[in-house]
PDB file of all heavy atoms in Angstrom:
ATOM      1  N   GLY A   1     119.696-209.573 109.403  1.00  0.00           N
ATOM      2  CA  GLY A   1     120.132-208.205 109.141  1.00  0.00           C
ATOM      3  C   GLY A   1     121.617-208.057 108.966  1.00  0.00           C
ATOM      4  O   GLY A   1     122.172-207.003 109.247  1.00  0.00           O
ATOM      5  N   GLY A   2     122.273-209.093 108.505  1.00  0.00           N
ATOM      6  CA  GLY A   2     123.723-209.056 108.378  1.00  0.00           C
ATOM      7  C   GLY A   2     124.263-207.987 107.466  1.00  0.00           C
ATOM      8  O   GLY A   2     125.397-207.556 107.615  1.00  0.00           O
ATOM      9  N   HIS A   3     123.462-207.520 106.517  1.00  0.00           N
ATOM     10  CA  HIS A   3     123.939-206.494 105.592  1.00  0.00           C
ATOM     11  C   HIS A   3     123.475-205.095 105.997  1.00  0.00           C
ATOM     12  O   HIS A   3     123.732-204.127 105.302  1.00  0.00           O
ATOM     13  CB  HIS A   3     123.491-206.819 104.171  1.00  0.00           C
ATOM     14  CG  HIS A   3     122.022-206.999 104.049  1.00  0.00           C
ATOM     15  ND1 HIS A   3     121.400-208.165 104.420  1.00  0.00           N
ATOM     16  CD2 HIS A   3     121.052-206.166 103.639  1.00  0.00           C
ATOM     17  CE1 HIS A   3     120.100-208.027 104.223  1.00  0.00           C
ATOM     18  NE2 HIS A   3     119.862-206.826 103.757  1.00  0.00           N
ATOM     19  N   SER A   4     122.796-204.981 107.138  1.00  0.00           N
ATOM     20  CA  SER A   4     122.389-203.656 107.617  1.00  0.00           C
ATOM     21  C   SER A   4     123.516-203.049 108.455  1.00  0.00           C
ATOM     22  O   SER A   4     124.537-203.690 108.691  1.00  0.00           O
ATOM     23  CB  SER A   4     121.095-203.753 108.432  1.00  0.00           C
ATOM     24  OG  SER A   4     121.284-204.561 109.561  1.00  0.00           O
ATOM     25  N   THR A   5     123.321-201.832 108.905  1.00  0.00           N
ATOM     26  CA  THR A   5     124.384-201.157 109.658  1.00  0.00           C
ATOM     27  C   THR A   5     124.698-201.869 110.962  1.00  0.00           C
ATOM     28  O   THR A   5     125.835-201.888 111.405  1.00  0.00           O
ATOM     29  CB  THR A   5     124.012-199.683 109.946  1.00  0.00           C
ATOM     30  OG1 THR A   5     122.722-199.652 110.540  1.00  0.00           O
ATOM     31  CG2 THR A   5     124.030-198.864 108.678  1.00  0.00           C
ATOM     32  N   THR A   6     123.681-202.458 111.598  1.00  0.00           N
ATOM     33  CA  THR A   6     123.921-203.302 112.765  1.00  0.00           C
ATOM     34  C   THR A   6     123.409-204.696 112.414  1.00  0.00           C
ATOM     35  O   THR A   6     122.232-204.855 112.117  1.00  0.00           O
ATOM     36  CB  THR A   6     123.189-202.775 114.015  1.00  0.00           C
ATOM     37  OG1 THR A   6     121.809-202.648 113.727  1.00  0.00           O
ATOM     38  CG2 THR A   6     123.759-201.441 114.470  1.00  0.00           C
ATOM     39  N   PRO A   7     124.272-205.692 112.429  1.00  0.00           N
ATOM     40  CA  PRO A   7     123.884-207.033 111.979  1.00  0.00           C
ATOM     41  C   PRO A   7     123.073-207.797 113.028  1.00  0.00           C
ATOM     42  O   PRO A   7     123.464-208.856 113.493  1.00  0.00           O
ATOM     43  CB  PRO A   7     125.226-207.701 111.696  1.00  0.00           C
ATOM     44  CG  PRO A   7     126.167-207.037 112.648  1.00  0.00           C
ATOM     45  CD  PRO A   7     125.683-205.622 112.778  1.00  0.00           C
ATOM     46  N   ASP A   8     121.929-207.224 113.410  1.00  0.00           N
ATOM     47  CA  ASP A   8     121.079-207.868 114.391  1.00  0.00           C
ATOM     48  C   ASP A   8     119.967-208.624 113.674  1.00  0.00           C
ATOM     49  O   ASP A   8     119.509-208.211 112.612  1.00  0.00           O
ATOM     50  CB  ASP A   8     120.460-206.815 115.327  1.00  0.00           C
ATOM     51  CG  ASP A   8     121.516-206.022 116.088  1.00  0.00           C
ATOM     52  OD1 ASP A   8     122.635-206.541 116.257  1.00  0.00           O
ATOM     53  OD2 ASP A   8     121.213-204.899 116.506  1.00  0.00           O
ATOM     54  N   ASP A   9     119.526-209.720 114.270  1.00  0.00           N
ATOM     55  CA  ASP A   9     118.439-210.513 113.708  1.00  0.00           C
ATOM     56  C   ASP A   9     117.219-210.393 114.610  1.00  0.00           C
ATOM     57  O   ASP A   9     117.344-210.312 115.830  1.00  0.00           O
ATOM     58  CB  ASP A   9     118.834-211.987 113.607  1.00  0.00           C
ATOM     59  CG  ASP A   9     119.934-212.244 112.593  1.00  0.00           C
ATOM     60  OD1 ASP A   9     120.227-211.347 111.786  1.00  0.00           O
ATOM     61  OD2 ASP A   9     120.495-213.348 112.602  1.00  0.00           O
ATOM     62  N   LEU A  10     116.045-210.411 114.001  1.00  0.00           N
ATOM     63  CA  LEU A  10     114.783-210.318 114.724  1.00  0.00           C
ATOM     64  C   LEU A  10     114.056-211.642 114.651  1.00  0.00           C
ATOM     65  O   LEU A  10     113.919-212.215 113.567  1.00  0.00           O
ATOM     66  CB  LEU A  10     113.899-209.237 114.104  1.00  0.00           C
ATOM     67  CG  LEU A  10     112.430-209.235 114.543  1.00  0.00           C
ATOM     68  CD1 LEU A  10     112.313-208.787 115.997  1.00  0.00           C
ATOM     69  CD2 LEU A  10     111.594-208.360 113.645  1.00  0.00           C
ATOM     70  N   LEU A  11     113.590-212.144 115.783  1.00  0.00           N
ATOM     71  CA  LEU A  11     112.701-213.298 115.826  1.00  0.00           C
ATOM     72  C   LEU A  11     111.332-212.794 116.239  1.00  0.00           C
ATOM     73  O   LEU A  11     111.189-212.171 117.300  1.00  0.00           O
ATOM     74  CB  LEU A  11     113.192-214.338 116.845  1.00  0.00           C
ATOM     75  CG  LEU A  11     112.200-215.461 117.206  1.00  0.00           C
ATOM     76  CD1 LEU A  11     111.836-216.293 115.977  1.00  0.00           C
ATOM     77  CD2 LEU A  11     112.763-216.342 118.305  1.00  0.00           C
ATOM     78  N   LEU A  12     110.328-213.022 115.390  1.00  0.00           N
ATOM     79  CA  LEU A  12     108.942-212.729 115.725  1.00  0.00           C
ATOM     80  C   LEU A  12     108.248-214.065 115.905  1.00  0.00           C
ATOM     81  O   LEU A  12     108.201-214.876 114.977  1.00  0.00           O
ATOM     82  CB  LEU A  12     108.249-211.919 114.632  1.00  0.00           C
ATOM     83  CG  LEU A  12     106.735-211.728 114.810  1.00  0.00           C
ATOM     84  CD1 LEU A  12     106.441-210.883 116.054  1.00  0.00           C
ATOM     85  CD2 LEU A  12     106.112-211.114 113.583  1.00  0.00           C
ATOM     86  N   MET A  13     107.755-214.295 117.126  1.00  0.00           N
ATOM     87  CA  MET A  13     107.084-215.553 117.421  1.00  0.00           C
ATOM     88  C   MET A  13     105.971-215.260 118.415  1.00  0.00           C
ATOM     89  O   MET A  13     106.190-214.562 119.414  1.00  0.00           O
ATOM     90  CB  MET A  13     108.087-216.545 118.021  1.00  0.00           C
ATOM     91  CG  MET A  13     107.511-217.896 118.331  1.00  0.00           C
ATOM     92  SD  MET A  13     108.753-219.028 118.965  1.00  0.00           S
ATOM     93  CE  MET A  13     108.894-218.473 120.646  1.00  0.00           C
ATOM     94  N   ASP A  14     104.787-215.765 118.138  1.00  0.00           N
ATOM     95  CA  ASP A  14     103.638-215.564 119.015  1.00  0.00           C
ATOM     96  C   ASP A  14     103.394-214.088 119.308  1.00  0.00           C
ATOM     97  O   ASP A  14     103.030-213.711 120.425  1.00  0.00           O
ATOM     98  CB  ASP A  14     103.824-216.344 120.331  1.00  0.00           C
ATOM     99  CG  ASP A  14     103.960-217.848 120.102  1.00  0.00           C
ATOM    100  OD1 ASP A  14     103.332-218.352 119.147  1.00  0.00           O
ATOM    101  OD2 ASP A  14     104.671-218.495 120.861  1.00  0.00           O
ATOM    102  N   GLY A  15     103.633-213.232 118.320  1.00  0.00           N
ATOM    103  CA  GLY A  15     103.387-211.804 118.460  1.00  0.00           C
ATOM    104  C   GLY A  15     104.447-211.040 119.227  1.00  0.00           C
ATOM    105  O   GLY A  15     104.331-209.843 119.417  1.00  0.00           O
ATOM    106  N   ILE A  16     105.478-211.721 119.678  1.00  0.00           N
ATOM    107  CA  ILE A  16     106.533-211.086 120.475  1.00  0.00           C
ATOM    108  C   ILE A  16     107.807-210.992 119.639  1.00  0.00           C
ATOM    109  O   ILE A  16     108.218-211.967 119.013  1.00  0.00           O
ATOM    110  CB  ILE A  16     106.802-211.890 121.759  1.00  0.00           C
ATOM    111  CG1 ILE A  16     105.527-211.934 122.618  1.00  0.00           C
ATOM    112  CG2 ILE A  16     107.961-211.292 122.551  1.00  0.00           C
ATOM    113  CD1 ILE A  16     105.587-212.897 123.766  1.00  0.00           C
ATOM    114  N   CYS A  17     108.429-209.813 119.670  1.00  0.00           N
ATOM    115  CA  CYS A  17     109.685-209.598 118.951  1.00  0.00           C
ATOM    116  C   CYS A  17     110.851-209.743 119.919  1.00  0.00           C
ATOM    117  O   CYS A  17     110.812-209.227 121.033  1.00  0.00           O
ATOM    118  CB  CYS A  17     109.729-208.203 118.336  1.00  0.00           C
ATOM    119  SG  CYS A  17     108.581-208.001 116.959  1.00  0.00           S
ATOM    120  N   ARG A  18     111.873-210.446 119.480  1.00  0.00           N
ATOM    121  CA  ARG A  18     113.104-210.570 120.252  1.00  0.00           C
ATOM    122  C   ARG A  18     114.268-210.317 119.308  1.00  0.00           C
ATOM    123  O   ARG A  18     114.340-210.911 118.229  1.00  0.00           O
ATOM    124  CB  ARG A  18     113.240-211.952 120.859  1.00  0.00           C
ATOM    125  CG  ARG A  18     114.576-212.092 121.553  1.00  0.00           C
ATOM    126  CD  ARG A  18     114.731-213.302 122.388  1.00  0.00           C
ATOM    127  NE  ARG A  18     116.094-213.301 122.909  1.00  0.00           N
ATOM    128  CZ  ARG A  18     116.750-214.376 123.214  1.00  0.00           C
ATOM    129  NH1 ARG A  18     116.180-215.550 123.108  1.00  0.00           N
ATOM    130  NH2 ARG A  18     117.975-214.303 123.660  1.00  0.00           N
ATOM    131  N   TRP A  19     115.169-209.439 119.715  1.00  0.00           N
ATOM    132  CA  TRP A  19     116.337-209.113 118.904  1.00  0.00           C
ATOM    133  C   TRP A  19     117.548-209.895 119.389  1.00  0.00           C
ATOM    134  O   TRP A  19     117.741-210.083 120.586  1.00  0.00           O
ATOM    135  CB  TRP A  19     116.628-207.607 118.976  1.00  0.00           C
ATOM    136  CG  TRP A  19     115.655-206.823 118.161  1.00  0.00           C
ATOM    137  CD1 TRP A  19     114.504-206.250 118.586  1.00  0.00           C
ATOM    138  CD2 TRP A  19     115.751-206.558 116.762  1.00  0.00           C
ATOM    139  NE1 TRP A  19     113.867-205.639 117.537  1.00  0.00           N
ATOM    140  CE2 TRP A  19     114.606-205.805 116.410  1.00  0.00           C
ATOM    141  CE3 TRP A  19     116.678-206.879 115.772  1.00  0.00           C
ATOM    142  CZ2 TRP A  19     114.376-205.362 115.121  1.00  0.00           C
ATOM    143  CZ3 TRP A  19     116.448-206.436 114.484  1.00  0.00           C
ATOM    144  CH2 TRP A  19     115.311-205.693 114.162  1.00  0.00           C
ATOM    145  N   PHE A  20     118.357-210.340 118.434  1.00  0.00           N
ATOM    146  CA  PHE A  20     119.610-211.035 118.710  1.00  0.00           C
ATOM    147  C   PHE A  20     120.731-210.155 118.189  1.00  0.00           C
ATOM    148  O   PHE A  20     120.810-209.893 116.987  1.00  0.00           O
ATOM    149  CB  PHE A  20     119.634-212.397 118.001  1.00  0.00           C
ATOM    150  CG  PHE A  20     118.617-213.358 118.542  1.00  0.00           C
ATOM    151  CD1 PHE A  20     117.284-213.269 118.165  1.00  0.00           C
ATOM    152  CD2 PHE A  20     118.990-214.334 119.446  1.00  0.00           C
ATOM    153  CE1 PHE A  20     116.341-214.141 118.672  1.00  0.00           C
ATOM    154  CE2 PHE A  20     118.051-215.212 119.955  1.00  0.00           C
ATOM    155  CZ  PHE A  20     116.720-215.117 119.570  1.00  0.00           C
ATOM    156  N   SER A  21     121.572-209.691 119.091  1.00  0.00           N
ATOM    157  CA  SER A  21     122.667-208.793 118.701  1.00  0.00           C
ATOM    158  C   SER A  21     123.647-209.512 117.797  1.00  0.00           C
ATOM    159  O   SER A  21     123.928-210.693 117.975  1.00  0.00           O
ATOM    160  CB  SER A  21     123.405-208.288 119.940  1.00  0.00           C
ATOM    161  OG  SER A  21     122.532-207.506 120.704  1.00  0.00           O
ATOM    162  N   GLY A  22     124.170-208.764 116.849  1.00  0.00           N
ATOM    163  CA  GLY A  22     125.131-209.321 115.915  1.00  0.00           C
ATOM    164  C   GLY A  22     126.472-208.633 115.998  1.00  0.00           C
ATOM    165  O   GLY A  22     126.608-207.566 116.593  1.00  0.00           O
ATOM    166  N   GLU A  23     127.437-209.269 115.410  1.00  0.00           N
ATOM    167  CA  GLU A  23     128.804-208.742 115.351  1.00  0.00           C
ATOM    168  C   GLU A  23     129.160-208.527 113.891  1.00  0.00           C
ATOM    169  O   GLU A  23     128.971-209.417 113.061  1.00  0.00           O
ATOM    170  CB  GLU A  23     129.754-209.774 115.981  1.00  0.00           C
ATOM    171  CG  GLU A  23     131.208-209.497 115.781  1.00  0.00           C
ATOM    172  CD  GLU A  23     132.083-210.684 116.201  1.00  0.00           C
ATOM    173  OE1 GLU A  23     131.611-211.539 116.965  1.00  0.00           O
ATOM    174  OE2 GLU A  23     133.226-210.749 115.728  1.00  0.00           O
ATOM    175  N   ARG A  24     129.653-207.354 113.556  1.00  0.00           N
ATOM    176  CA  ARG A  24     130.087-207.081 112.193  1.00  0.00           C
ATOM    177  C   ARG A  24     131.448-207.738 111.992  1.00  0.00           C
ATOM    178  O   ARG A  24     132.395-207.446 112.712  1.00  0.00           O
ATOM    179  CB  ARG A  24     130.177-205.570 111.961  1.00  0.00           C
ATOM    180  CG  ARG A  24     130.823-205.158 110.671  1.00  0.00           C
ATOM    181  CD  ARG A  24     129.957-205.178 109.435  1.00  0.00           C
ATOM    182  NE  ARG A  24     128.643-204.633 109.621  1.00  0.00           N
ATOM    183  CZ  ARG A  24     127.559-205.170 109.025  1.00  0.00           C
ATOM    184  NH1 ARG A  24     127.670-206.219 108.259  1.00  0.00           N
ATOM    185  NH2 ARG A  24     126.377-204.649 109.223  1.00  0.00           N
ATOM    186  N   VAL A  25     131.528-208.673 111.071  1.00  0.00           N
ATOM    187  CA  VAL A  25     132.786-209.350 110.746  1.00  0.00           C
ATOM    188  C   VAL A  25     133.245-208.800 109.403  1.00  0.00           C
ATOM    189  O   VAL A  25     132.542-208.924 108.399  1.00  0.00           O
ATOM    190  CB  VAL A  25     132.607-210.882 110.662  1.00  0.00           C
ATOM    191  CG1 VAL A  25     133.904-211.555 110.254  1.00  0.00           C
ATOM    192  CG2 VAL A  25     132.089-211.432 111.991  1.00  0.00           C
ATOM    193  N   GLU A  26     134.412-208.176 109.403  1.00  0.00           N
ATOM    194  CA  GLU A  26     134.942-207.605 108.159  1.00  0.00           C
ATOM    195  C   GLU A  26     135.594-208.708 107.333  1.00  0.00           C
ATOM    196  O   GLU A  26     136.626-209.250 107.706  1.00  0.00           O
ATOM    197  CB  GLU A  26     135.948-206.495 108.478  1.00  0.00           C
ATOM    198  CG  GLU A  26     135.341-205.284 109.163  1.00  0.00           C
ATOM    199  CD  GLU A  26     134.195-204.648 108.394  1.00  0.00           C
ATOM    200  OE1 GLU A  26     134.237-204.610 107.142  1.00  0.00           O
ATOM    201  OE2 GLU A  26     133.238-204.192 109.050  1.00  0.00           O
ATOM    202  N   THR A  27     134.937-209.052 106.239  1.00  0.00           N
ATOM    203  CA  THR A  27     135.435-210.074 105.323  1.00  0.00           C
ATOM    204  C   THR A  27     134.780-209.868 103.965  1.00  0.00           C
ATOM    205  O   THR A  27     133.671-209.334 103.882  1.00  0.00           O
ATOM    206  CB  THR A  27     135.141-211.503 105.841  1.00  0.00           C
ATOM    207  OG1 THR A  27     135.646-212.457 104.903  1.00  0.00           O
ATOM    208  CG2 THR A  27     133.653-211.736 106.038  1.00  0.00           C
ATOM    209  N   SER A  28     135.471-210.293 102.923  1.00  0.00           N
ATOM    210  CA  SER A  28     134.869-210.259 101.589  1.00  0.00           C
ATOM    211  C   SER A  28     134.183-211.596 101.290  1.00  0.00           C
ATOM    212  O   SER A  28     133.568-211.764 100.251  1.00  0.00           O
ATOM    213  CB  SER A  28     135.933-209.964 100.525  1.00  0.00           C
ATOM    214  OG  SER A  28     136.903-211.002 100.519  1.00  0.00           O
ATOM    215  N   SER A  29     134.255-212.540 102.215  1.00  0.00           N
ATOM    216  CA  SER A  29     133.676-213.874 102.023  1.00  0.00           C
ATOM    217  C   SER A  29     132.328-213.966 102.725  1.00  0.00           C
ATOM    218  O   SER A  29     132.206-214.540 103.808  1.00  0.00           O
ATOM    219  CB  SER A  29     134.642-214.931 102.554  1.00  0.00           C
ATOM    220  OG  SER A  29     135.859-214.875 101.847  1.00  0.00           O
ATOM    221  N   THR A  30     131.329-213.394 102.080  1.00  0.00           N
ATOM    222  CA  THR A  30     129.988-213.342 102.664  1.00  0.00           C
ATOM    223  C   THR A  30     128.940-214.084 101.839  1.00  0.00           C
ATOM    224  O   THR A  30     127.769-214.100 102.203  1.00  0.00           O
ATOM    225  CB  THR A  30     129.535-211.879 102.810  1.00  0.00           C
ATOM    226  OG1 THR A  30     129.562-211.263 101.512  1.00  0.00           O
ATOM    227  CG2 THR A  30     130.440-211.113 103.768  1.00  0.00           C
ATOM    228  N   HIS A  31     129.361-214.720 100.760  1.00  0.00           N
ATOM    229  CA  HIS A  31     128.407-215.405  99.885  1.00  0.00           C
ATOM    230  C   HIS A  31     127.796-216.603 100.614  1.00  0.00           C
ATOM    231  O   HIS A  31     128.495-217.423 101.175  1.00  0.00           O
ATOM    232  CB  HIS A  31     129.110-215.876  98.603  1.00  0.00           C
ATOM    233  CG  HIS A  31     128.172-216.466  97.613  1.00  0.00           C
ATOM    234  ND1 HIS A  31     127.294-215.699  96.878  1.00  0.00           N
ATOM    235  CD2 HIS A  31     127.955-217.744  97.248  1.00  0.00           C
ATOM    236  CE1 HIS A  31     126.592-216.493  96.097  1.00  0.00           C
ATOM    237  NE2 HIS A  31     126.970-217.733  96.312  1.00  0.00           N
ATOM    238  N   GLY A  32     126.462-216.665 100.621  1.00  0.00           N
ATOM    239  CA  GLY A  32     125.773-217.811 101.206  1.00  0.00           C
ATOM    240  C   GLY A  32     125.405-217.672 102.668  1.00  0.00           C
ATOM    241  O   GLY A  32     125.004-218.648 103.301  1.00  0.00           O
ATOM    242  N   THR A  33     125.497-216.479 103.215  1.00  0.00           N
ATOM    243  CA  THR A  33     125.200-216.331 104.641  1.00  0.00           C
ATOM    244  C   THR A  33     123.735-216.643 104.961  1.00  0.00           C
ATOM    245  O   THR A  33     123.449-217.287 105.971  1.00  0.00           O
ATOM    246  CB  THR A  33     125.541-214.911 105.139  1.00  0.00           C
ATOM    247  OG1 THR A  33     124.924-213.958 104.283  1.00  0.00           O
ATOM    248  CG2 THR A  33     127.038-214.683 105.181  1.00  0.00           C
ATOM    249  N   GLY A  34     122.812-216.214 104.118  1.00  0.00           N
ATOM    250  CA  GLY A  34     121.392-216.485 104.374  1.00  0.00           C
ATOM    251  C   GLY A  34     121.069-217.962 104.305  1.00  0.00           C
ATOM    252  O   GLY A  34     120.363-218.502 105.164  1.00  0.00           O
ATOM    253  N   CYS A  35     121.577-218.624 103.277  1.00  0.00           N
ATOM    254  CA  CYS A  35     121.345-220.062 103.127  1.00  0.00           C
ATOM    255  C   CYS A  35     121.987-220.839 104.276  1.00  0.00           C
ATOM    256  O   CYS A  35     121.414-221.800 104.796  1.00  0.00           O
ATOM    257  CB  CYS A  35     121.924-220.556 101.799  1.00  0.00           C
ATOM    258  SG  CYS A  35     121.185-219.791 100.358  1.00  0.00           S
ATOM    259  N   THR A  36     123.172-220.397 104.673  1.00  0.00           N
ATOM    260  CA  THR A  36     123.862-221.047 105.781  1.00  0.00           C
ATOM    261  C   THR A  36     123.074-220.866 107.070  1.00  0.00           C
ATOM    262  O   THR A  36     122.900-221.815 107.844  1.00  0.00           O
ATOM    263  CB  THR A  36     125.287-220.476 105.935  1.00  0.00           C
ATOM    264  OG1 THR A  36     126.000-220.723 104.710  1.00  0.00           O
ATOM    265  CG2 THR A  36     126.025-221.115 107.091  1.00  0.00           C
ATOM    266  N   PHE A  37     122.556-219.657 107.300  1.00  0.00           N
ATOM    267  CA  PHE A  37     121.767-219.417 108.503  1.00  0.00           C
ATOM    268  C   PHE A  37     120.526-220.309 108.532  1.00  0.00           C
ATOM    269  O   PHE A  37     120.246-220.965 109.536  1.00  0.00           O
ATOM    270  CB  PHE A  37     121.355-217.943 108.622  1.00  0.00           C
ATOM    271  CG  PHE A  37     120.468-217.704 109.809  1.00  0.00           C
ATOM    272  CD1 PHE A  37     121.025-217.550 111.068  1.00  0.00           C
ATOM    273  CD2 PHE A  37     119.088-217.679 109.676  1.00  0.00           C
ATOM    274  CE1 PHE A  37     120.205-217.377 112.180  1.00  0.00           C
ATOM    275  CE2 PHE A  37     118.270-217.504 110.774  1.00  0.00           C
ATOM    276  CZ  PHE A  37     118.834-217.345 112.032  1.00  0.00           C
ATOM    277  N   SER A  38     119.765-220.332 107.450  1.00  0.00           N
ATOM    278  CA  SER A  38     118.521-221.112 107.458  1.00  0.00           C
ATOM    279  C   SER A  38     118.804-222.606 107.599  1.00  0.00           C
ATOM    280  O   SER A  38     118.057-223.319 108.279  1.00  0.00           O
ATOM    281  CB  SER A  38     117.685-220.828 106.209  1.00  0.00           C
ATOM    282  OG  SER A  38     118.373-221.176 105.041  1.00  0.00           O
ATOM    283  N   SER A  39     119.888-223.081 107.013  1.00  0.00           N
ATOM    284  CA  SER A  39     120.255-224.495 107.162  1.00  0.00           C
ATOM    285  C   SER A  39     120.677-224.812 108.588  1.00  0.00           C
ATOM    286  O   SER A  39     120.304-225.850 109.145  1.00  0.00           O
ATOM    287  CB  SER A  39     121.388-224.858 106.193  1.00  0.00           C
ATOM    288  OG  SER A  39     120.945-224.723 104.863  1.00  0.00           O
ATOM    289  N   ALA A  40     121.456-223.910 109.191  1.00  0.00           N
ATOM    290  CA  ALA A  40     121.866-224.105 110.585  1.00  0.00           C
ATOM    291  C   ALA A  40     120.646-224.056 111.503  1.00  0.00           C
ATOM    292  O   ALA A  40     120.541-224.842 112.460  1.00  0.00           O
ATOM    293  CB  ALA A  40     122.897-223.050 110.985  1.00  0.00           C
ATOM    294  N   LEU A  41     119.714-223.164 111.225  1.00  0.00           N
ATOM    295  CA  LEU A  41     118.483-223.083 112.012  1.00  0.00           C
ATOM    296  C   LEU A  41     117.693-224.384 111.905  1.00  0.00           C
ATOM    297  O   LEU A  41     117.240-224.937 112.918  1.00  0.00           O
ATOM    298  CB  LEU A  41     117.639-221.900 111.547  1.00  0.00           C
ATOM    299  CG  LEU A  41     116.300-221.704 112.250  1.00  0.00           C
ATOM    300  CD1 LEU A  41     116.494-221.403 113.736  1.00  0.00           C
ATOM    301  CD2 LEU A  41     115.511-220.580 111.572  1.00  0.00           C
ATOM    302  N   ALA A  42     117.543-224.895 110.688  1.00  0.00           N
ATOM    303  CA  ALA A  42     116.819-226.160 110.488  1.00  0.00           C
ATOM    304  C   ALA A  42     117.501-227.298 111.255  1.00  0.00           C
ATOM    305  O   ALA A  42     116.827-228.134 111.877  1.00  0.00           O
ATOM    306  CB  ALA A  42     116.736-226.490 108.999  1.00  0.00           C
ATOM    307  N   ALA A  43     118.817-227.326 111.241  1.00  0.00           N
ATOM    308  CA  ALA A  43     119.556-228.368 111.969  1.00  0.00           C
ATOM    309  C   ALA A  43     119.310-228.247 113.469  1.00  0.00           C
ATOM    310  O   ALA A  43     119.097-229.256 114.156  1.00  0.00           O
ATOM    311  CB  ALA A  43     121.050-228.265 111.661  1.00  0.00           C
ATOM    312  N   ARG A  44     119.338-227.031 113.999  1.00  0.00           N
ATOM    313  CA  ARG A  44     119.132-226.828 115.436  1.00  0.00           C
ATOM    314  C   ARG A  44     117.700-227.216 115.830  1.00  0.00           C
ATOM    315  O   ARG A  44     117.475-227.794 116.890  1.00  0.00           O
ATOM    316  CB  ARG A  44     119.413-225.380 115.830  1.00  0.00           C
ATOM    317  CG  ARG A  44     120.846-224.909 115.643  1.00  0.00           C
ATOM    318  CD  ARG A  44     121.937-225.799 116.181  1.00  0.00           C
ATOM    319  NE  ARG A  44     121.685-226.327 117.507  1.00  0.00           N
ATOM    320  CZ  ARG A  44     122.512-227.148 118.154  1.00  0.00           C
ATOM    321  NH1 ARG A  44     123.652-227.525 117.616  1.00  0.00           N
ATOM    322  NH2 ARG A  44     122.196-227.596 119.354  1.00  0.00           N
ATOM    323  N   ILE A  45     116.726-226.928 114.966  1.00  0.00           N
ATOM    324  CA  ILE A  45     115.340-227.328 115.238  1.00  0.00           C
ATOM    325  C   ILE A  45     115.249-228.849 115.247  1.00  0.00           C
ATOM    326  O   ILE A  45     114.624-229.447 116.130  1.00  0.00           O
ATOM    327  CB  ILE A  45     114.389-226.698 114.202  1.00  0.00           C
ATOM    328  CG1 ILE A  45     114.349-225.183 114.386  1.00  0.00           C
ATOM    329  CG2 ILE A  45     112.993-227.299 114.301  1.00  0.00           C
ATOM    330  CD1 ILE A  45     113.746-224.443 113.217  1.00  0.00           C
ATOM    331  N   ALA A  46     115.890-229.495 114.266  1.00  0.00           N
ATOM    332  CA  ALA A  46     115.881-230.959 114.200  1.00  0.00           C
ATOM    333  C   ALA A  46     116.537-231.579 115.435  1.00  0.00           C
ATOM    334  O   ALA A  46     116.145-232.657 115.878  1.00  0.00           O
ATOM    335  CB  ALA A  46     116.593-231.428 112.932  1.00  0.00           C
ATOM    336  N   LEU A  47     117.510-230.887 116.012  1.00  0.00           N
ATOM    337  CA  LEU A  47     118.169-231.374 117.221  1.00  0.00           C
ATOM    338  C   LEU A  47     117.346-231.117 118.481  1.00  0.00           C
ATOM    339  O   LEU A  47     117.733-231.530 119.570  1.00  0.00           O
ATOM    340  CB  LEU A  47     119.553-230.733 117.357  1.00  0.00           C
ATOM    341  CG  LEU A  47     120.592-231.223 116.351  1.00  0.00           C
ATOM    342  CD1 LEU A  47     121.846-230.359 116.391  1.00  0.00           C
ATOM    343  CD2 LEU A  47     120.933-232.695 116.616  1.00  0.00           C
TER     344      LEU A  47
END
């Protein structure tokens, strides 16, 4: 939800929702945030 009014992310797993609070970072350099997130997530899972 980085582009929403509150940049919080939702994890839905096993029917349970958990919210992760986000911080709005003011920058014009936002290209690739989704791809970066999914790649970082894949790396953390692999670890």
